[in-house]
Amino acid sequence: MIAVSGTIGVEADGSVKEDAGAQADRCFDLIRQHIEQLGGHMGDVVRIRMFVTDIKDADAVSAAFSRALKATRPTGTLVAIAGLYDPRWKVEIEADAVIGSGQ
């Protein structure tokens, strides 16, 4: 089992995009990289937890979820929270994967 936690949408240069959907896309890209480094792929993801600082961003983050997971449909939870450590961060995503379980 692979657990990827605390993933935020910070770019390689340390910048953070303003758009919550773009932050979520970056989170899913980082999650994919971590899972692939350990021998898995996004089809192995069995659970996603998404945290947003504004529930109005739920649709944009859910769209990023659909883009990243495509036909894979793991269980997922989206929760609105009061805030994250850095006020620029609008999204944090966690993923659990089981290598060999996916498509």
N, C-alpha and C. Protein backbone atom coordinates (compact mmCIF):
# COMPACT_ATOMS: atom_id res chain seq x y z
N MET A 1 0.85 -1.18 0.00
CA MET A 1 0.00 0.00 0.00
C MET A 1 0.88 1.23 0.00
N ILE A 2 0.45 2.23 -0.75
CA ILE A 2 1.14 3.52 -0.82
C ILE A 2 0.18 4.57 -0.27
N ALA A 3 0.66 5.38 0.66
CA ALA A 3 -0.13 6.50 1.17
C ALA A 3 0.61 7.78 0.84
N VAL A 4 -0.04 8.64 0.07
CA VAL A 4 0.54 9.94 -0.28
C VAL A 4 -0.31 10.98 0.43
N SER A 5 0.29 11.66 1.40
CA SER A 5 -0.50 12.61 2.19
C SER A 5 0.06 14.02 2.09
N GLY A 6 -0.76 14.97 2.48
CA GLY A 6 -0.33 16.36 2.57
C GLY A 6 0.13 16.96 1.26
N THR A 7 -0.45 16.57 0.15
CA THR A 7 -0.01 17.06 -1.15
C THR A 7 -0.69 18.39 -1.45
N ILE A 8 0.15 19.40 -1.65
CA ILE A 8 -0.35 20.74 -1.98
C ILE A 8 0.15 21.12 -3.37
N GLY A 9 -0.49 22.10 -3.98
CA GLY A 9 -0.20 22.44 -5.37
C GLY A 9 0.91 23.43 -5.58
N VAL A 10 2.03 23.24 -4.93
CA VAL A 10 3.18 24.13 -5.11
C VAL A 10 3.97 23.69 -6.33
N GLU A 11 4.29 24.65 -7.19
CA GLU A 11 5.07 24.37 -8.39
C GLU A 11 6.53 24.11 -8.02
N ALA A 12 7.31 23.58 -8.95
CA ALA A 12 8.72 23.25 -8.71
C ALA A 12 9.52 24.47 -8.29
N ASP A 13 9.14 25.66 -8.77
CA ASP A 13 9.87 26.88 -8.43
C ASP A 13 9.38 27.52 -7.13
N GLY A 14 8.44 26.87 -6.45
CA GLY A 14 7.92 27.38 -5.18
C GLY A 14 6.69 28.26 -5.32
N SER A 15 6.31 28.56 -6.54
CA SER A 15 5.13 29.40 -6.75
C SER A 15 3.85 28.59 -6.56
N VAL A 16 2.76 29.31 -6.38
CA VAL A 16 1.45 28.68 -6.20
C VAL A 16 0.46 29.40 -7.12
N LYS A 17 -0.20 28.65 -7.98
CA LYS A 17 -1.20 29.26 -8.86
C LYS A 17 -2.41 29.67 -8.03
N GLU A 18 -3.05 30.74 -8.46
CA GLU A 18 -4.20 31.28 -7.74
C GLU A 18 -5.42 30.37 -7.83
N ASP A 19 -5.62 29.74 -8.96
CA ASP A 19 -6.81 28.94 -9.24
C ASP A 19 -6.79 27.60 -8.50
N ALA A 20 -7.87 27.30 -7.78
CA ALA A 20 -7.95 26.05 -7.03
C ALA A 20 -7.90 24.83 -7.94
N GLY A 21 -8.51 24.91 -9.11
CA GLY A 21 -8.46 23.80 -10.05
C GLY A 21 -7.04 23.52 -10.51
N ALA A 22 -6.28 24.58 -10.78
CA ALA A 22 -4.87 24.42 -11.18
C ALA A 22 -4.05 23.85 -10.03
N GLN A 23 -4.34 24.27 -8.81
CA GLN A 23 -3.65 23.70 -7.65
C GLN A 23 -3.96 22.21 -7.53
N ALA A 24 -5.21 21.85 -7.74
CA ALA A 24 -5.60 20.44 -7.66
C ALA A 24 -4.92 19.63 -8.76
N ASP A 25 -4.85 20.19 -9.98
CA ASP A 25 -4.13 19.50 -11.06
C ASP A 25 -2.69 19.23 -10.66
N ARG A 26 -2.04 20.22 -10.05
CA ARG A 26 -0.65 20.05 -9.61
C ARG A 26 -0.56 18.98 -8.51
N CYS A 27 -1.51 18.99 -7.58
CA CYS A 27 -1.52 17.96 -6.53
C CYS A 27 -1.59 16.57 -7.15
N PHE A 28 -2.51 16.39 -8.09
CA PHE A 28 -2.66 15.07 -8.70
C PHE A 28 -1.43 14.68 -9.51
N ASP A 29 -0.77 15.66 -10.13
CA ASP A 29 0.47 15.37 -10.85
C ASP A 29 1.55 14.88 -9.88
N LEU A 30 1.67 15.54 -8.74
CA LEU A 30 2.66 15.12 -7.74
C LEU A 30 2.31 13.74 -7.17
N ILE A 31 1.05 13.50 -6.92
CA ILE A 31 0.62 12.19 -6.43
C ILE A 31 0.98 11.11 -7.45
N ARG A 32 0.69 11.38 -8.72
CA ARG A 32 1.03 10.42 -9.79
C ARG A 32 2.53 10.13 -9.79
N GLN A 33 3.35 11.18 -9.69
CA GLN A 33 4.81 10.99 -9.69
C GLN A 33 5.25 10.10 -8.53
N HIS A 34 4.72 10.36 -7.34
CA HIS A 34 5.11 9.56 -6.17
C HIS A 34 4.69 8.10 -6.32
N ILE A 35 3.48 7.88 -6.79
CA ILE A 35 3.00 6.50 -6.96
C ILE A 35 3.82 5.77 -8.02
N GLU A 36 4.12 6.45 -9.12
CA GLU A 36 4.92 5.82 -10.18
C GLU A 36 6.34 5.53 -9.71
N GLN A 37 6.91 6.40 -8.88
CA GLN A 37 8.26 6.14 -8.35
C GLN A 37 8.30 4.87 -7.51
N LEU A 38 7.16 4.49 -6.97
CA LEU A 38 7.09 3.29 -6.13
C LEU A 38 6.54 2.08 -6.88
N GLY A 39 6.42 2.20 -8.20
CA GLY A 39 6.03 1.06 -9.02
C GLY A 39 4.55 0.93 -9.32
N GLY A 40 3.77 1.92 -8.96
CA GLY A 40 2.34 1.87 -9.23
C GLY A 40 1.94 2.83 -10.33
N HIS A 41 0.63 2.99 -10.50
CA HIS A 41 0.09 3.96 -11.45
C HIS A 41 -1.24 4.46 -10.91
N MET A 42 -1.79 5.48 -11.53
CA MET A 42 -3.01 6.09 -11.02
C MET A 42 -4.19 5.12 -10.98
N GLY A 43 -4.16 4.10 -11.81
CA GLY A 43 -5.21 3.09 -11.76
C GLY A 43 -5.20 2.28 -10.47
N ASP A 44 -4.10 2.35 -9.72
CA ASP A 44 -4.00 1.65 -8.44
C ASP A 44 -4.59 2.43 -7.27
N VAL A 45 -4.99 3.68 -7.51
CA VAL A 45 -5.53 4.51 -6.43
C VAL A 45 -6.88 3.95 -5.99
N VAL A 46 -7.02 3.75 -4.68
CA VAL A 46 -8.25 3.20 -4.12
C VAL A 46 -9.03 4.20 -3.27
N ARG A 47 -8.36 5.29 -2.87
CA ARG A 47 -9.04 6.28 -2.03
C ARG A 47 -8.38 7.64 -2.20
N ILE A 48 -9.23 8.68 -2.28
CA ILE A 48 -8.77 10.07 -2.39
C ILE A 48 -9.48 10.88 -1.31
N ARG A 49 -8.73 11.77 -0.66
CA ARG A 49 -9.31 12.74 0.26
C ARG A 49 -8.88 14.12 -0.20
N MET A 50 -9.84 15.00 -0.45
CA MET A 50 -9.56 16.34 -0.95
C MET A 50 -10.07 17.36 0.06
N PHE A 51 -9.22 18.31 0.38
CA PHE A 51 -9.56 19.36 1.34
C PHE A 51 -9.50 20.70 0.62
N VAL A 52 -10.55 21.49 0.74
CA VAL A 52 -10.59 22.81 0.11
C VAL A 52 -10.87 23.86 1.17
N THR A 53 -10.29 25.04 0.99
CA THR A 53 -10.51 26.12 1.95
C THR A 53 -11.76 26.92 1.62
N ASP A 54 -12.35 26.69 0.46
CA ASP A 54 -13.60 27.35 0.06
C ASP A 54 -14.45 26.34 -0.70
N ILE A 55 -15.61 26.04 -0.18
CA ILE A 55 -16.47 25.03 -0.80
C ILE A 55 -16.86 25.43 -2.22
N LYS A 56 -16.77 26.69 -2.55
CA LYS A 56 -17.07 27.14 -3.92
C LYS A 56 -16.09 26.56 -4.93
N ASP A 57 -14.94 26.08 -4.46
CA ASP A 57 -13.94 25.47 -5.34
C ASP A 57 -14.18 23.98 -5.56
N ALA A 58 -15.22 23.44 -4.97
CA ALA A 58 -15.48 22.00 -5.05
C ALA A 58 -15.61 21.50 -6.49
N ASP A 59 -16.31 22.24 -7.33
CA ASP A 59 -16.48 21.79 -8.72
C ASP A 59 -15.16 21.75 -9.47
N ALA A 60 -14.32 22.77 -9.29
CA ALA A 60 -13.02 22.82 -9.97
C ALA A 60 -12.11 21.69 -9.50
N VAL A 61 -12.13 21.41 -8.21
CA VAL A 61 -11.30 20.34 -7.66
C VAL A 61 -11.84 18.98 -8.10
N SER A 62 -13.14 18.83 -8.12
CA SER A 62 -13.74 17.58 -8.59
C SER A 62 -13.42 17.33 -10.06
N ALA A 63 -13.39 18.40 -10.86
CA ALA A 63 -13.02 18.26 -12.27
C ALA A 63 -11.57 17.80 -12.41
N ALA A 64 -10.68 18.32 -11.57
CA ALA A 64 -9.28 17.88 -11.58
C ALA A 64 -9.19 16.40 -11.20
N PHE A 65 -9.99 15.98 -10.22
CA PHE A 65 -10.08 14.58 -9.82
C PHE A 65 -10.45 13.71 -11.03
N SER A 66 -11.46 14.12 -11.77
CA SER A 66 -11.90 13.36 -12.95
C SER A 66 -10.83 13.31 -14.02
N ARG A 67 -10.13 14.42 -14.24
CA ARG A 67 -9.05 14.44 -15.24
C ARG A 67 -7.91 13.51 -14.84
N ALA A 68 -7.57 13.52 -13.57
CA ALA A 68 -6.42 12.74 -13.10
C ALA A 68 -6.70 11.25 -13.03
N LEU A 69 -7.92 10.88 -12.63
CA LEU A 69 -8.24 9.48 -12.41
C LEU A 69 -8.93 8.83 -13.59
N LYS A 70 -9.40 9.61 -14.54
CA LYS A 70 -10.05 9.13 -15.76
C LYS A 70 -11.06 8.03 -15.45
N ALA A 71 -10.86 6.82 -15.95
CA ALA A 71 -11.82 5.74 -15.77
C ALA A 71 -11.76 5.11 -14.38
N THR A 72 -10.66 5.34 -13.67
CA THR A 72 -10.53 4.81 -12.31
C THR A 72 -11.51 5.56 -11.42
N ARG A 73 -12.23 4.86 -10.62
CA ARG A 73 -13.20 5.51 -9.74
C ARG A 73 -12.98 5.05 -8.29
N PRO A 74 -11.93 5.60 -7.65
CA PRO A 74 -11.72 5.25 -6.25
C PRO A 74 -12.75 5.95 -5.37
N THR A 75 -12.86 5.50 -4.14
CA THR A 75 -13.70 6.24 -3.20
C THR A 75 -13.07 7.61 -3.01
N GLY A 76 -13.89 8.58 -2.77
CA GLY A 76 -13.37 9.94 -2.61
C GLY A 76 -14.19 10.74 -1.63
N THR A 77 -13.50 11.63 -0.95
CA THR A 77 -14.14 12.53 -0.01
C THR A 77 -13.63 13.93 -0.28
N LEU A 78 -14.52 14.91 -0.29
CA LEU A 78 -14.13 16.31 -0.42
C LEU A 78 -14.70 17.04 0.79
N VAL A 79 -13.82 17.73 1.52
CA VAL A 79 -14.20 18.40 2.75
C VAL A 79 -13.75 19.85 2.70
N ALA A 80 -14.62 20.76 3.12
CA ALA A 80 -14.24 22.16 3.27
C ALA A 80 -13.64 22.34 4.67
N ILE A 81 -12.50 23.03 4.72
CA ILE A 81 -11.81 23.26 5.99
C ILE A 81 -11.58 24.76 6.17
N ALA A 82 -11.23 25.16 7.38
CA ALA A 82 -11.06 26.58 7.69
C ALA A 82 -9.84 27.20 7.02
N GLY A 83 -8.79 26.42 6.81
CA GLY A 83 -7.60 26.96 6.19
C GLY A 83 -6.47 25.96 6.20
N LEU A 84 -5.42 26.31 5.47
CA LEU A 84 -4.19 25.51 5.43
C LEU A 84 -3.04 26.38 5.92
N TYR A 85 -1.87 25.79 6.12
CA TYR A 85 -0.73 26.48 6.72
C TYR A 85 -0.38 27.77 5.99
N ASP A 86 -0.34 27.73 4.67
CA ASP A 86 -0.02 28.91 3.85
C ASP A 86 -1.33 29.42 3.26
N PRO A 87 -1.65 30.68 3.43
CA PRO A 87 -2.93 31.19 2.93
C PRO A 87 -3.09 31.13 1.41
N ARG A 88 -2.00 30.94 0.67
CA ARG A 88 -2.09 30.79 -0.79
C ARG A 88 -2.63 29.41 -1.17
N TRP A 89 -2.48 28.45 -0.29
CA TRP A 89 -2.92 27.08 -0.57
C TRP A 89 -4.43 26.99 -0.41
N LYS A 90 -5.09 26.53 -1.46
CA LYS A 90 -6.54 26.37 -1.44
C LYS A 90 -6.97 24.91 -1.40
N VAL A 91 -6.02 24.02 -1.69
CA VAL A 91 -6.34 22.59 -1.86
C VAL A 91 -5.23 21.75 -1.24
N GLU A 92 -5.61 20.69 -0.57
CA GLU A 92 -4.67 19.64 -0.15
C GLU A 92 -5.33 18.31 -0.50
N ILE A 93 -4.54 17.39 -1.04
CA ILE A 93 -5.10 16.11 -1.47
C ILE A 93 -4.24 14.97 -0.93
N GLU A 94 -4.91 13.92 -0.50
CA GLU A 94 -4.25 12.69 -0.05
C GLU A 94 -4.75 11.54 -0.91
N ALA A 95 -3.89 10.56 -1.14
CA ALA A 95 -4.28 9.40 -1.94
C ALA A 95 -3.71 8.13 -1.34
N ASP A 96 -4.49 7.07 -1.42
CA ASP A 96 -4.03 5.73 -1.05
C ASP A 96 -4.09 4.87 -2.30
N ALA A 97 -3.04 4.10 -2.52
CA ALA A 97 -2.99 3.21 -3.69
C ALA A 97 -2.52 1.83 -3.25
N VAL A 98 -3.02 0.83 -3.92
CA VAL A 98 -2.59 -0.55 -3.70
C VAL A 98 -2.04 -1.04 -5.04
N ILE A 99 -0.72 -1.25 -5.08
CA ILE A 99 -0.08 -1.66 -6.33
C ILE A 99 -0.68 -2.98 -6.81
N GLY A 100 -1.07 -2.98 -8.07
CA GLY A 100 -1.64 -4.18 -8.68
C GLY A 100 -3.16 -4.26 -8.59
N SER A 101 -3.77 -3.31 -7.92
CA SER A 101 -5.23 -3.37 -7.76
C SER A 101 -5.98 -2.70 -8.89
N GLY A 102 -5.27 -1.91 -9.69
CA GLY A 102 -5.95 -1.08 -10.67
C GLY A 102 -6.00 -1.64 -12.07
N GLN A 103 -6.43 -0.75 -12.95
CA GLN A 103 -6.62 -1.08 -14.35
C GLN A 103 -5.34 -0.88 -15.13
